[in-house]
C-alpha atoms as a PDB file:
ATOM      1  CA  MET A   1     -34.454  -5.385   3.639  1.00  0.00           C
ATOM      2  CA  LYS A   2     -37.366  -3.736   5.371  1.00  0.00           C
ATOM      3  CA  LEU A   3     -38.698  -0.317   6.341  1.00  0.00           C
ATOM      4  CA  LEU A   4     -39.305  -0.517  10.093  1.00  0.00           C
ATOM      5  CA  SER A   5     -40.438   3.043  10.788  1.00  0.00           C
ATOM      6  CA  VAL A   6     -41.160   6.297   8.956  1.00  0.00           C
ATOM      7  CA  ASN A   7     -40.171   9.307  11.075  1.00  0.00           C
ATOM      8  CA  VAL A   8     -40.965  12.984  10.488  1.00  0.00           C
ATOM      9  CA  SER A   9     -40.816  16.324  12.255  1.00  0.00           C
ATOM     10  CA  LEU A  10     -41.256  19.954  11.353  1.00  0.00           C
ATOM     11  CA  PRO A  11     -38.542  22.356  12.555  1.00  0.00           C
ATOM     12  CA  LYS A  12     -38.936  23.604  16.092  1.00  0.00           C
ATOM     13  CA  GLU A  13     -37.061  25.838  18.505  1.00  0.00           C
ATOM     14  CA  VAL A  14     -35.105  24.261  21.384  1.00  0.00           C
ATOM     15  CA  GLN A  15     -32.770  25.656  24.007  1.00  0.00           C
ATOM     16  CA  ASN A  16     -29.096  24.718  23.834  1.00  0.00           C
ATOM     17  CA  ASN A  17     -26.707  26.184  26.412  1.00  0.00           C
ATOM     18  CA  GLY A  18     -28.919  29.206  26.848  1.00  0.00           C
ATOM     19  CA  LYS A  19     -29.293  29.809  23.135  1.00  0.00           C
ATOM     20  CA  THR A  20     -32.307  29.193  20.906  1.00  0.00           C
ATOM     21  CA  MET A  21     -31.715  26.717  18.090  1.00  0.00           C
ATOM     22  CA  THR A  22     -34.105  25.711  15.320  1.00  0.00           C
ATOM     23  CA  THR A  23     -33.883  22.077  14.260  1.00  0.00           C
ATOM     24  CA  GLY A  24     -35.860  19.321  12.589  1.00  0.00           C
ATOM     25  CA  ILE A  25     -33.784  16.494  14.079  1.00  0.00           C
ATOM     26  CA  PHE A  26     -36.405  15.358  16.586  1.00  0.00           C
ATOM     27  CA  LYS A  27     -38.104  12.897  14.241  1.00  0.00           C
ATOM     28  CA  GLU A  28     -41.051  10.850  15.512  1.00  0.00           C
ATOM     29  CA  PRO A  29     -42.663   7.737  14.008  1.00  0.00           C
ATOM     30  CA  VAL A  30     -45.904   8.063  12.066  1.00  0.00           C
ATOM     31  CA  LYS A  31     -48.373   5.194  12.014  1.00  0.00           C
ATOM     32  CA  LYS A  32     -50.057   5.934   8.690  1.00  0.00           C
ATOM     33  CA  ARG A  33     -48.635   5.727   5.197  1.00  0.00           C
ATOM     34  CA  VAL A  34     -46.905   8.890   4.030  1.00  0.00           C
ATOM     35  CA  MET A  35     -46.397  10.376   0.588  1.00  0.00           C
ATOM     36  CA  LEU A  36     -42.752  10.543  -0.439  1.00  0.00           C
ATOM     37  CA  ARG A  37     -42.226  13.411  -2.866  1.00  0.00           C
ATOM     38  CA  THR A  38     -39.205  14.781  -4.701  1.00  0.00           C
ATOM     39  CA  MET A  39     -38.159  17.182  -1.932  1.00  0.00           C
ATOM     40  CA  ASN A  40     -39.147  15.268   1.234  1.00  0.00           C
ATOM     41  CA  LEU A  41     -41.733  13.212   3.094  1.00  0.00           C
ATOM     42  CA  GLY A  42     -45.167  14.573   3.832  1.00  0.00           C
ATOM     43  CA  GLY A  43     -45.143  16.224   7.259  1.00  0.00           C
ATOM     44  CA  ASP A  44     -41.365  16.502   7.400  1.00  0.00           C
ATOM     45  CA  GLY A  45     -39.137  19.564   7.247  1.00  0.00           C
ATOM     46  CA  GLN A  46     -35.598  20.793   7.796  1.00  0.00           C
ATOM     47  CA  ALA A  47     -34.366  23.946   9.499  1.00  0.00           C
ATOM     48  CA  ASP A  48     -30.994  23.961   7.716  1.00  0.00           C
ATOM     49  CA  LEU A  49     -31.753  23.727   4.001  1.00  0.00           C
ATOM     50  CA  VAL A  50     -28.054  23.836   3.098  1.00  0.00           C
ATOM     51  CA  GLY A  51     -27.011  20.817   5.152  1.00  0.00           C
ATOM     52  CA  HIS A  52     -30.279  18.880   4.909  1.00  0.00           C
ATOM     53  CA  GLY A  53     -33.172  18.320   2.538  1.00  0.00           C
ATOM     54  CA  GLY A  54     -33.465  19.096  -1.149  1.00  0.00           C
ATOM     55  CA  ILE A  55     -33.556  16.866  -4.189  1.00  0.00           C
ATOM     56  CA  HIS A  56     -30.391  14.923  -3.349  1.00  0.00           C
ATOM     57  CA  LYS A  57     -31.190  14.590   0.362  1.00  0.00           C
ATOM     58  CA  ALA A  58     -34.928  14.070   0.361  1.00  0.00           C
ATOM     59  CA  VAL A  59     -34.801  11.181   2.834  1.00  0.00           C
ATOM     60  CA  TYR A  60     -32.267  10.145   5.456  1.00  0.00           C
ATOM     61  CA  VAL A  61     -31.920   6.396   6.141  1.00  0.00           C
ATOM     62  CA  TYR A  62     -30.432   4.654   9.189  1.00  0.00           C
ATOM     63  CA  SER A  63     -30.218   0.958  10.049  1.00  0.00           C
ATOM     64  CA  ILE A  64     -31.543  -0.726  13.157  1.00  0.00           C
ATOM     65  CA  GLU A  65     -28.313  -2.767  13.291  1.00  0.00           C
ATOM     66  CA  ASN A  66     -26.493   0.498  14.031  1.00  0.00           C
ATOM     67  CA  TYR A  67     -28.894   1.099  16.908  1.00  0.00           C
ATOM     68  CA  GLU A  68     -27.667  -2.135  18.479  1.00  0.00           C
ATOM     69  CA  TYR A  69     -24.036  -1.111  18.002  1.00  0.00           C
ATOM     70  CA  TRP A  70     -24.543   2.267  19.675  1.00  0.00           C
ATOM     71  CA  LYS A  71     -26.582   0.769  22.499  1.00  0.00           C
ATOM     72  CA  SER A  72     -23.615  -1.453  23.341  1.00  0.00           C
ATOM     73  CA  GLU A  73     -20.935   1.162  22.652  1.00  0.00           C
ATOM     74  CA  LEU A  74     -22.616   3.887  24.713  1.00  0.00           C
ATOM     75  CA  SER A  75     -24.211   1.607  27.335  1.00  0.00           C
ATOM     76  CA  ARG A  76     -27.652   3.050  26.626  1.00  0.00           C
ATOM     77  CA  ASN A  77     -31.092   1.542  26.204  1.00  0.00           C
ATOM     78  CA  ASP A  78     -33.207   4.668  25.720  1.00  0.00           C
ATOM     79  CA  PHE A  79     -33.284   4.756  21.913  1.00  0.00           C
ATOM     80  CA  THR A  80     -36.538   5.069  19.971  1.00  0.00           C
ATOM     81  CA  TYR A  81     -37.194   5.169  16.214  1.00  0.00           C
ATOM     82  CA  GLY A  82     -35.904   8.438  14.787  1.00  0.00           C
ATOM     83  CA  GLN A  83     -33.157   8.605  17.428  1.00  0.00           C
ATOM     84  CA  PHE A  84     -30.491   9.643  14.929  1.00  0.00           C
ATOM     85  CA  GLY A  85     -32.711  12.081  13.050  1.00  0.00           C
ATOM     86  CA  GLU A  86     -33.491   9.577  10.305  1.00  0.00           C
ATOM     87  CA  ASN A  87     -36.651   9.526   8.214  1.00  0.00           C
ATOM     88  CA  PHE A  88     -36.426   5.802   7.495  1.00  0.00           C
ATOM     89  CA  THR A  89     -35.370   3.350  10.179  1.00  0.00           C
ATOM     90  CA  VAL A  90     -34.545   0.220   8.177  1.00  0.00           C
ATOM     91  CA  GLU A  91     -33.329  -3.329   8.562  1.00  0.00           C
ATOM     92  CA  GLY A  92     -30.537  -4.895   6.517  1.00  0.00           C
ATOM     93  CA  MET A  93     -29.058  -1.782   4.898  1.00  0.00           C
ATOM     94  CA  LEU A  94     -25.697  -1.245   6.564  1.00  0.00           C
ATOM     95  CA  GLU A  95     -23.077   1.103   5.182  1.00  0.00           C
ATOM     96  CA  ASP A  96     -20.809  -1.681   3.914  1.00  0.00           C
ATOM     97  CA  GLU A  97     -23.693  -3.282   1.970  1.00  0.00           C
ATOM     98  CA  ILE A  98     -25.192  -0.271   0.200  1.00  0.00           C
ATOM     99  CA  HIS A  99     -23.505   1.520  -2.719  1.00  0.00           C
ATOM    100  CA  ILE A 100     -23.810   5.125  -3.812  1.00  0.00           C
ATOM    101  CA  GLY A 101     -26.036   4.990  -6.888  1.00  0.00           C
ATOM    102  CA  ASP A 102     -27.968   1.871  -5.890  1.00  0.00           C
ATOM    103  CA  VAL A 103     -31.689   2.111  -6.688  1.00  0.00           C
ATOM    104  CA  PHE A 104     -34.438   0.694  -4.454  1.00  0.00           C
ATOM    105  CA  ARG A 105     -38.180   0.186  -4.627  1.00  0.00           C
ATOM    106  CA  VAL A 106     -39.909   0.941  -1.305  1.00  0.00           C
ATOM    107  CA  GLY A 107     -43.683   0.998  -1.186  1.00  0.00           C
ATOM    108  CA  GLY A 108     -44.869   3.013  -4.163  1.00  0.00           C
ATOM    109  CA  ALA A 109     -41.642   5.001  -4.500  1.00  0.00           C
ATOM    110  CA  LEU A 110     -38.385   4.487  -6.363  1.00  0.00           C
ATOM    111  CA  VAL A 111     -35.279   5.968  -4.701  1.00  0.00           C
ATOM    112  CA  GLU A 112     -31.537   6.277  -5.321  1.00  0.00           C
ATOM    113  CA  VAL A 113     -28.628   6.526  -2.847  1.00  0.00           C
ATOM    114  CA  THR A 114     -26.755   9.833  -3.246  1.00  0.00           C
ATOM    115  CA  GLN A 115     -24.324  10.329  -0.325  1.00  0.00           C
ATOM    116  CA  PRO A 116     -23.496   9.447   3.297  1.00  0.00           C
ATOM    117  CA  ARG A 117     -24.892  11.595   6.091  1.00  0.00           C
ATOM    118  CA  VAL A 118     -22.566  14.320   7.386  1.00  0.00           C
ATOM    119  CA  PRO A 119     -23.002  14.636  11.186  1.00  0.00           C
ATOM    120  CA  CYS A 120     -23.389  18.081  12.721  1.00  0.00           C
ATOM    121  CA  ALA A 121     -23.548  19.567  16.208  1.00  0.00           C
ATOM    122  CA  LYS A 122     -27.323  19.104  16.288  1.00  0.00           C
ATOM    123  CA  LEU A 123     -26.810  15.339  16.330  1.00  0.00           C
ATOM    124  CA  GLY A 124     -24.589  15.762  19.383  1.00  0.00           C
ATOM    125  CA  PHE A 125     -27.309  17.851  21.017  1.00  0.00           C
ATOM    126  CA  LYS A 126     -29.963  15.227  20.217  1.00  0.00           C
ATOM    127  CA  MET A 127     -27.785  12.473  21.686  1.00  0.00           C
ATOM    128  CA  GLY A 128     -26.785  14.542  24.717  1.00  0.00           C
ATOM    129  CA  MET A 129     -23.120  14.069  23.756  1.00  0.00           C
ATOM    130  CA  ALA A 130     -21.176  16.911  22.161  1.00  0.00           C
ATOM    131  CA  LYS A 131     -18.485  14.460  20.990  1.00  0.00           C
ATOM    132  CA  PHE A 132     -20.939  12.059  19.374  1.00  0.00           C
ATOM    133  CA  PRO A 133     -20.706  13.467  15.794  1.00  0.00           C
ATOM    134  CA  LYS A 134     -16.969  12.699  15.805  1.00  0.00           C
ATOM    135  CA  LEU A 135     -17.580   9.109  16.977  1.00  0.00           C
ATOM    136  CA  PHE A 136     -20.355   8.761  14.418  1.00  0.00           C
ATOM    137  CA  LEU A 137     -18.061   9.806  11.579  1.00  0.00           C
ATOM    138  CA  GLN A 138     -15.055   7.775  12.706  1.00  0.00           C
ATOM    139  CA  ASN A 139     -17.134   4.595  12.864  1.00  0.00           C
ATOM    140  CA  SER A 140     -18.651   5.247   9.413  1.00  0.00           C
ATOM    141  CA  ARG A 141     -22.029   4.245  10.853  1.00  0.00           C
ATOM    142  CA  VAL A 142     -23.466   7.360   9.274  1.00  0.00           C
ATOM    143  CA  GLY A 143     -26.441   6.199   7.222  1.00  0.00           C
ATOM    144  CA  PHE A 144     -27.193   7.706   3.822  1.00  0.00           C
ATOM    145  CA  TYR A 145     -29.473   9.990   1.836  1.00  0.00           C
ATOM    146  CA  LEU A 146     -31.881   9.186  -0.978  1.00  0.00           C
ATOM    147  CA  ARG A 147     -33.065  10.989  -4.087  1.00  0.00           C
ATOM    148  CA  VAL A 148     -36.638  10.275  -5.169  1.00  0.00           C
ATOM    149  CA  LEU A 149     -36.875   8.966  -8.742  1.00  0.00           C
ATOM    150  CA  GLU A 150     -40.581   8.135  -8.547  1.00  0.00           C
ATOM    151  CA  GLU A 151     -42.934   9.571  -5.929  1.00  0.00           C
ATOM    152  CA  GLY A 152     -45.206   7.251  -3.974  1.00  0.00           C
ATOM    153  CA  GLU A 153     -46.624   6.276  -0.604  1.00  0.00           C
ATOM    154  CA  VAL A 154     -44.413   4.530   1.955  1.00  0.00           C
ATOM    155  CA  GLY A 155     -45.056   3.072   5.375  1.00  0.00           C
ATOM    156  CA  ALA A 156     -43.679   0.910   8.163  1.00  0.00           C
ATOM    157  CA  GLY A 157     -43.507  -2.730   7.128  1.00  0.00           C
ATOM    158  CA  ASP A 158     -42.769  -2.075   3.450  1.00  0.00           C
ATOM    159  CA  VAL A 159     -40.257  -4.424   1.860  1.00  0.00           C
ATOM    160  CA  ILE A 160     -37.263  -2.631   0.335  1.00  0.00           C
ATOM    161  CA  GLU A 161     -36.101  -4.176  -2.947  1.00  0.00           C
ATOM    162  CA  ARG A 162     -32.803  -3.335  -4.611  1.00  0.00           C
ATOM    163  CA  VAL A 163     -33.515  -3.003  -8.330  1.00  0.00           C
ATOM    164  CA  LYS A 164     -30.138  -1.680  -9.466  1.00  0.00           C
ATOM    165  CA  VAL A 165     -26.552  -1.922  -8.209  1.00  0.00           C
ATOM    166  CA  ASP A 166     -24.303   0.947  -9.268  1.00  0.00           C
ATOM    167  CA  ALA A 167     -21.535  -0.071 -11.660  1.00  0.00           C
ATOM    168  CA  GLU A 168     -18.731   1.384  -9.493  1.00  0.00           C
ATOM    169  CA  ARG A 169     -19.898  -0.536  -6.394  1.00  0.00           C
ATOM    170  CA  MET A 170     -18.508   2.053  -3.983  1.00  0.00           C
ATOM    171  CA  THR A 171     -20.160   1.522  -0.618  1.00  0.00           C
ATOM    172  CA  VAL A 172     -21.367   4.228   1.733  1.00  0.00           C
ATOM    173  CA  ARG A 173     -18.614   3.238   4.154  1.00  0.00           C
ATOM    174  CA  GLU A 174     -15.917   3.384   1.462  1.00  0.00           C
ATOM    175  CA  ILE A 175     -16.837   6.815   0.165  1.00  0.00           C
ATOM    176  CA  ASN A 176     -17.211   8.222   3.672  1.00  0.00           C
ATOM    177  CA  HIS A 177     -13.714   6.944   4.544  1.00  0.00           C
ATOM    178  CA  LEU A 178     -12.358   8.249   1.251  1.00  0.00           C
ATOM    179  CA  LEU A 179     -13.571  11.804   1.825  1.00  0.00           C
ATOM    180  CA  TYR A 180     -12.530  12.198   5.432  1.00  0.00           C
ATOM    181  CA  PHE A 181      -9.725   9.747   6.131  1.00  0.00           C
ATOM    182  CA  ASP A 182      -8.023   8.879   2.818  1.00  0.00           C
ATOM    183  CA  GLN A 183      -7.479  12.263   1.229  1.00  0.00           C
ATOM    184  CA  LYS A 184      -4.391  11.256  -0.791  1.00  0.00           C
ATOM    185  CA  ASN A 185      -6.263   8.527  -2.634  1.00  0.00           C
ATOM    186  CA  LEU A 186      -6.700  10.184  -6.024  1.00  0.00           C
ATOM    187  CA  GLU A 187      -7.732   6.981  -7.798  1.00  0.00           C
ATOM    188  CA  GLY A 188     -10.529   6.625  -5.275  1.00  0.00           C
ATOM    189  CA  ALA A 189     -11.612  10.216  -5.921  1.00  0.00           C
ATOM    190  CA  LYS A 190     -11.682   9.548  -9.674  1.00  0.00           C
ATOM    191  CA  LYS A 191     -13.792   6.453  -9.081  1.00  0.00           C
ATOM    192  CA  ALA A 192     -16.216   8.426  -6.922  1.00  0.00           C
ATOM    193  CA  LEU A 193     -16.573  11.034  -9.662  1.00  0.00           C
ATOM    194  CA  ARG A 194     -17.689   8.322 -12.080  1.00  0.00           C
ATOM    195  CA  ILE A 195     -20.799   7.721  -9.950  1.00  0.00           C
ATOM    196  CA  ARG A 196     -23.576   9.592 -11.724  1.00  0.00           C
ATOM    197  CA  ALA A 197     -25.841   9.615  -8.668  1.00  0.00           C
ATOM    198  CA  LEU A 198     -23.296  11.225  -6.321  1.00  0.00           C
ATOM    199  CA  SER A 199     -24.691  14.453  -4.831  1.00  0.00           C
ATOM    200  CA  PRO A 200     -23.318  17.831  -6.037  1.00  0.00           C
ATOM    201  CA  GLY A 201     -21.667  18.635  -2.698  1.00  0.00           C
ATOM    202  CA  TRP A 202     -19.662  15.431  -2.524  1.00  0.00           C
ATOM    203  CA  ARG A 203     -18.886  15.588  -6.231  1.00  0.00           C
ATOM    204  CA  GLY A 204     -17.543  19.105  -5.711  1.00  0.00           C
ATOM    205  CA  SER A 205     -15.288  17.939  -2.881  1.00  0.00           C
ATOM    206  CA  PHE A 206     -13.732  15.201  -5.008  1.00  0.00           C
ATOM    207  CA  LYS A 207     -13.386  17.526  -8.014  1.00  0.00           C
ATOM    208  CA  GLU A 208     -11.557  20.018  -5.843  1.00  0.00           C
ATOM    209  CA  ARG A 209      -9.225  17.331  -4.557  1.00  0.00           C
ATOM    210  CA  SER A 210      -8.464  16.087  -8.069  1.00  0.00           C
ATOM    211  CA  ALA A 211      -7.927  19.601  -9.415  1.00  0.00           C
ATOM    212  CA  LYS A 212      -5.507  20.550  -6.656  1.00  0.00           C
ATOM    213  CA  ASN A 213      -3.382  17.519  -7.399  1.00  0.00           C
ATOM    214  CA  SER A 214      -3.543  17.690 -11.179  1.00  0.00           C
ATOM    215  CA  LYS A 215      -2.951  21.466 -11.312  1.00  0.00           C
ATOM    216  CA  GLU A 216      -5.807  21.709 -13.789  1.00  0.00           C
ATOM    217  CA  PRO A 217      -8.337  24.576 -13.646  1.00  0.00           C
ATOM    218  CA  LEU A 218     -11.161  23.878 -11.224  1.00  0.00           C
ATOM    219  CA  GLU A 219     -14.622  23.584 -12.725  1.00  0.00           C
ATOM    220  CA  SER A 220     -17.696  24.968 -11.002  1.00  0.00           C
ATOM    221  CA  VAL A 221     -17.862  23.404  -7.539  1.00  0.00           C
ATOM    222  CA  ASP A 222     -20.799  23.295  -5.146  1.00  0.00           C
ATOM    223  CA  CYS A 223     -19.505  22.046  -1.827  1.00  0.00           C
ATOM    224  CA  CYS A 224     -22.145  23.673   0.340  1.00  0.00           C
ATOM    225  CA  SER A 225     -24.456  20.668   0.563  1.00  0.00           C
ATOM    226  CA  GLY A 226     -21.729  18.057   0.922  1.00  0.00           C
ATOM    227  CA  ARG A 227     -19.896  18.831   4.129  1.00  0.00           C
END
């Protein structure tokens, strides 16, 4: 596994159908090494701090293998690093190979997988396809977010080493499918809730599902950052 590109952008205003929208999705590669801190990468920022950023979504990761899929699927060849709004463009980290809760060493940082990416309308705007977020979700080629366990410098070319595999071994693809397309699977929801690293938003969604079906009182739920 390898870090191919580090991509950052501060929020900026763009025009969308005659309306002004503020977004940080237009990530661009940086050539120097960058400090990865608890909240985000140096030089990076998010406009929507509910849907993006924060401790459990400090870095968004997307695989170059998915680039090749979308190039073929959409008959396009105009993609550049950061195309999908990711901070890390990587090699060898597809959604059916990475588990929620896995821990990785990249450069001087130690990071942990917390949840899949939830596509929004801004991704459709970036791709020039309003329907793209739906395709993105249905294909489960969504990438994933990282929490920073140890801060450190990272840069293009860094080897990414998996140092821990989560005990539940629930892949990014599996949990994405479970939340959106397998809503009657209560055993799956219980398994997801056993993953300590799962972000509060996704944990809240699975707690809510379990509570509705068990008729038990619902504990405090924070779904805002999950979907």
